[in-house]
Amino acid sequence: MKAYTIIGLIAATCTTISFLPQAIQVIKTKHTKDLSLTMYLLFTVGIFLWFIYGLVISDLPMIIANGITLIFSSIILVMKLKYK
């Protein structure tokens, strides 16, 4: 495995895991009042596009990180829309 792929996987792990506490908090409390709908909408669309881009260029760290982050941000976005 190339060094830059390892760096990408470490970066992907860090940024992806950073969303986990927020997703858990929203799922447990269903409290989304203080979350910005615009931010999560734009972020989720952006992550989706990065995921597609990763697929197009066959970049494994990008595909994994953005795929998982897309799940977390989508959960938060859906909860924000459901419990606003």
N, C-alpha and C. Protein backbone atom coordinates (compact mmCIF):
# COMPACT_ATOMS: atom_id res chain seq x y z
N MET A 1 0.85 -1.18 0.00
CA MET A 1 0.00 0.00 0.00
C MET A 1 0.89 1.24 0.00
N LYS A 2 0.54 2.22 -0.80
CA LYS A 2 1.35 3.42 -0.93
C LYS A 2 1.15 4.32 0.29
N ALA A 3 2.19 5.10 0.61
CA ALA A 3 2.17 5.97 1.80
C ALA A 3 1.01 6.97 1.74
N TYR A 4 0.76 7.54 0.56
CA TYR A 4 -0.32 8.52 0.48
C TYR A 4 -1.69 7.87 0.67
N THR A 5 -1.84 6.60 0.35
CA THR A 5 -3.09 5.89 0.61
C THR A 5 -3.28 5.70 2.10
N ILE A 6 -2.21 5.39 2.81
CA ILE A 6 -2.28 5.24 4.27
C ILE A 6 -2.65 6.57 4.91
N ILE A 7 -2.03 7.65 4.45
CA ILE A 7 -2.36 8.98 4.97
C ILE A 7 -3.83 9.29 4.70
N GLY A 8 -4.30 8.97 3.51
CA GLY A 8 -5.71 9.18 3.16
C GLY A 8 -6.64 8.37 4.04
N LEU A 9 -6.28 7.13 4.32
CA LEU A 9 -7.12 6.30 5.19
C LEU A 9 -7.16 6.82 6.62
N ILE A 10 -6.02 7.30 7.12
CA ILE A 10 -5.99 7.88 8.48
C ILE A 10 -6.84 9.15 8.52
N ALA A 11 -6.67 10.01 7.52
CA ALA A 11 -7.47 11.24 7.46
C ALA A 11 -8.96 10.92 7.35
N ALA A 12 -9.28 9.94 6.53
CA ALA A 12 -10.68 9.53 6.35
C ALA A 12 -11.26 9.01 7.66
N THR A 13 -10.48 8.23 8.38
CA THR A 13 -10.94 7.71 9.67
C THR A 13 -11.22 8.84 10.64
N CYS A 14 -10.31 9.79 10.74
CA CYS A 14 -10.49 10.92 11.67
C CYS A 14 -11.73 11.75 11.34
N THR A 15 -11.88 12.12 10.08
CA THR A 15 -13.01 12.98 9.72
C THR A 15 -14.34 12.23 9.79
N THR A 16 -14.32 10.96 9.50
CA THR A 16 -15.55 10.17 9.56
C THR A 16 -15.98 9.95 10.99
N ILE A 17 -15.06 9.58 11.84
CA ILE A 17 -15.37 9.34 13.26
C ILE A 17 -15.86 10.62 13.94
N SER A 18 -15.42 11.78 13.45
CA SER A 18 -15.82 13.03 14.09
C SER A 18 -17.34 13.25 14.03
N PHE A 19 -18.02 12.64 13.08
CA PHE A 19 -19.47 12.79 12.97
C PHE A 19 -20.24 11.81 13.86
N LEU A 20 -19.60 10.78 14.31
CA LEU A 20 -20.28 9.76 15.10
C LEU A 20 -20.90 10.30 16.39
N PRO A 21 -20.19 11.09 17.20
CA PRO A 21 -20.81 11.60 18.43
C PRO A 21 -22.07 12.43 18.16
N GLN A 22 -22.05 13.26 17.12
CA GLN A 22 -23.23 14.07 16.79
C GLN A 22 -24.39 13.18 16.36
N ALA A 23 -24.12 12.19 15.54
CA ALA A 23 -25.17 11.28 15.09
C ALA A 23 -25.77 10.52 16.27
N ILE A 24 -24.93 10.03 17.16
CA ILE A 24 -25.42 9.31 18.35
C ILE A 24 -26.27 10.22 19.22
N GLN A 25 -25.78 11.45 19.44
CA GLN A 25 -26.51 12.42 20.27
C GLN A 25 -27.89 12.71 19.69
N VAL A 26 -27.95 12.94 18.38
CA VAL A 26 -29.24 13.25 17.74
C VAL A 26 -30.18 12.04 17.79
N ILE A 27 -29.65 10.86 17.56
CA ILE A 27 -30.48 9.65 17.60
C ILE A 27 -31.03 9.43 19.01
N LYS A 28 -30.19 9.61 20.03
CA LYS A 28 -30.62 9.37 21.41
C LYS A 28 -31.61 10.42 21.91
N THR A 29 -31.33 11.70 21.62
CA THR A 29 -32.14 12.77 22.20
C THR A 29 -33.24 13.28 21.28
N LYS A 30 -33.08 13.05 19.98
CA LYS A 30 -33.99 13.60 18.97
C LYS A 30 -34.05 15.13 19.03
N HIS A 31 -33.03 15.74 19.62
CA HIS A 31 -32.95 17.19 19.74
C HIS A 31 -32.10 17.74 18.60
N THR A 32 -32.73 18.50 17.72
CA THR A 32 -32.02 19.04 16.56
C THR A 32 -32.21 20.56 16.43
N LYS A 33 -32.84 21.17 17.41
CA LYS A 33 -33.16 22.60 17.32
C LYS A 33 -31.93 23.46 17.04
N ASP A 34 -30.80 23.14 17.66
CA ASP A 34 -29.60 23.97 17.54
C ASP A 34 -28.74 23.63 16.32
N LEU A 35 -29.17 22.68 15.51
CA LEU A 35 -28.42 22.31 14.31
C LEU A 35 -28.93 23.10 13.11
N SER A 36 -28.02 23.54 12.28
CA SER A 36 -28.39 24.31 11.09
C SER A 36 -28.84 23.38 9.97
N LEU A 37 -30.08 23.55 9.54
CA LEU A 37 -30.61 22.76 8.42
C LEU A 37 -29.83 23.04 7.15
N THR A 38 -29.54 24.31 6.89
CA THR A 38 -28.80 24.68 5.68
C THR A 38 -27.42 24.03 5.67
N MET A 39 -26.74 24.05 6.81
CA MET A 39 -25.40 23.47 6.88
C MET A 39 -25.46 21.98 6.59
N TYR A 40 -26.37 21.25 7.24
CA TYR A 40 -26.44 19.81 7.04
C TYR A 40 -26.93 19.44 5.64
N LEU A 41 -27.79 20.24 5.06
CA LEU A 41 -28.24 20.00 3.69
C LEU A 41 -27.08 20.16 2.71
N LEU A 42 -26.37 21.28 2.80
CA LEU A 42 -25.23 21.52 1.92
C LEU A 42 -24.12 20.51 2.16
N PHE A 43 -23.85 20.20 3.42
CA PHE A 43 -22.80 19.25 3.75
C PHE A 43 -23.11 17.87 3.18
N THR A 44 -24.35 17.41 3.34
CA THR A 44 -24.74 16.09 2.86
C THR A 44 -24.65 16.02 1.33
N VAL A 45 -25.09 17.06 0.65
CA VAL A 45 -24.96 17.09 -0.81
C VAL A 45 -23.48 17.07 -1.20
N GLY A 46 -22.66 17.85 -0.51
CA GLY A 46 -21.23 17.88 -0.80
C GLY A 46 -20.58 16.52 -0.58
N ILE A 47 -20.91 15.87 0.51
CA ILE A 47 -20.35 14.54 0.81
C ILE A 47 -20.80 13.53 -0.26
N PHE A 48 -22.05 13.63 -0.67
CA PHE A 48 -22.54 12.74 -1.73
C PHE A 48 -21.72 12.93 -3.01
N LEU A 49 -21.46 14.19 -3.36
CA LEU A 49 -20.69 14.47 -4.56
C LEU A 49 -19.24 13.98 -4.43
N TRP A 50 -18.64 14.14 -3.24
CA TRP A 50 -17.29 13.61 -3.01
C TRP A 50 -17.29 12.09 -3.12
N PHE A 51 -18.35 11.45 -2.63
CA PHE A 51 -18.48 10.00 -2.72
C PHE A 51 -18.52 9.56 -4.19
N ILE A 52 -19.34 10.24 -4.98
CA ILE A 52 -19.43 9.94 -6.42
C ILE A 52 -18.08 10.16 -7.08
N TYR A 53 -17.43 11.25 -6.76
CA TYR A 53 -16.11 11.55 -7.32
C TYR A 53 -15.12 10.43 -6.96
N GLY A 54 -15.15 9.97 -5.72
CA GLY A 54 -14.29 8.87 -5.30
C GLY A 54 -14.54 7.60 -6.10
N LEU A 55 -15.82 7.33 -6.39
CA LEU A 55 -16.14 6.18 -7.23
C LEU A 55 -15.59 6.34 -8.64
N VAL A 56 -15.74 7.53 -9.20
CA VAL A 56 -15.29 7.79 -10.57
C VAL A 56 -13.77 7.61 -10.69
N ILE A 57 -13.02 8.08 -9.69
CA ILE A 57 -11.56 7.98 -9.78
C ILE A 57 -11.03 6.74 -9.07
N SER A 58 -11.93 5.92 -8.53
CA SER A 58 -11.56 4.68 -7.84
C SER A 58 -10.58 4.90 -6.69
N ASP A 59 -10.90 5.89 -5.84
CA ASP A 59 -10.05 6.21 -4.69
C ASP A 59 -10.68 5.62 -3.43
N LEU A 60 -10.09 4.52 -2.95
CA LEU A 60 -10.67 3.77 -1.83
C LEU A 60 -10.86 4.61 -0.57
N PRO A 61 -9.85 5.38 -0.10
CA PRO A 61 -10.07 6.19 1.11
C PRO A 61 -11.23 7.17 0.93
N MET A 62 -11.32 7.78 -0.24
CA MET A 62 -12.39 8.74 -0.49
C MET A 62 -13.76 8.05 -0.51
N ILE A 63 -13.82 6.89 -1.10
CA ILE A 63 -15.08 6.14 -1.18
C ILE A 63 -15.54 5.72 0.22
N ILE A 64 -14.63 5.15 0.99
CA ILE A 64 -14.98 4.66 2.33
C ILE A 64 -15.38 5.82 3.24
N ALA A 65 -14.52 6.83 3.31
CA ALA A 65 -14.78 7.95 4.22
C ALA A 65 -16.08 8.66 3.88
N ASN A 66 -16.26 8.98 2.62
CA ASN A 66 -17.45 9.73 2.24
C ASN A 66 -18.70 8.87 2.27
N GLY A 67 -18.56 7.58 2.01
CA GLY A 67 -19.72 6.68 2.13
C GLY A 67 -20.23 6.61 3.56
N ILE A 68 -19.31 6.43 4.50
CA ILE A 68 -19.71 6.36 5.92
C ILE A 68 -20.20 7.71 6.41
N THR A 69 -19.47 8.78 6.07
CA THR A 69 -19.89 10.12 6.49
C THR A 69 -21.24 10.48 5.89
N LEU A 70 -21.50 10.03 4.67
CA LEU A 70 -22.80 10.27 4.05
C LEU A 70 -23.92 9.62 4.85
N ILE A 71 -23.68 8.44 5.37
CA ILE A 71 -24.67 7.77 6.20
C ILE A 71 -24.93 8.60 7.47
N PHE A 72 -23.84 8.99 8.16
CA PHE A 72 -23.99 9.76 9.40
C PHE A 72 -24.69 11.09 9.16
N SER A 73 -24.24 11.83 8.15
CA SER A 73 -24.83 13.15 7.90
C SER A 73 -26.27 13.03 7.41
N SER A 74 -26.58 11.96 6.68
CA SER A 74 -27.96 11.75 6.23
C SER A 74 -28.88 11.45 7.41
N ILE A 75 -28.39 10.67 8.36
CA ILE A 75 -29.18 10.39 9.56
C ILE A 75 -29.48 11.69 10.29
N ILE A 76 -28.46 12.51 10.48
CA ILE A 76 -28.65 13.79 11.17
C ILE A 76 -29.61 14.68 10.39
N LEU A 77 -29.45 14.74 9.08
CA LEU A 77 -30.33 15.57 8.24
C LEU A 77 -31.77 15.09 8.32
N VAL A 78 -31.99 13.79 8.22
CA VAL A 78 -33.36 13.25 8.30
C VAL A 78 -33.96 13.54 9.67
N MET A 79 -33.17 13.37 10.72
CA MET A 79 -33.67 13.66 12.06
C MET A 79 -33.99 15.15 12.21
N LYS A 80 -33.16 16.00 11.63
CA LYS A 80 -33.41 17.44 11.67
C LYS A 80 -34.72 17.77 10.98
N LEU A 81 -34.97 17.18 9.85
CA LEU A 81 -36.23 17.42 9.14
C LEU A 81 -37.43 16.85 9.88
N LYS A 82 -37.24 15.71 10.51
CA LYS A 82 -38.34 15.03 11.21
C LYS A 82 -38.69 15.71 12.53
N TYR A 83 -37.68 16.18 13.26
CA TYR A 83 -37.90 16.72 14.61
C TYR A 83 -37.62 18.21 14.72
N LYS A 84 -37.89 18.97 13.67
CA LYS A 84 -37.63 20.41 13.76
C LYS A 84 -38.65 21.17 14.56
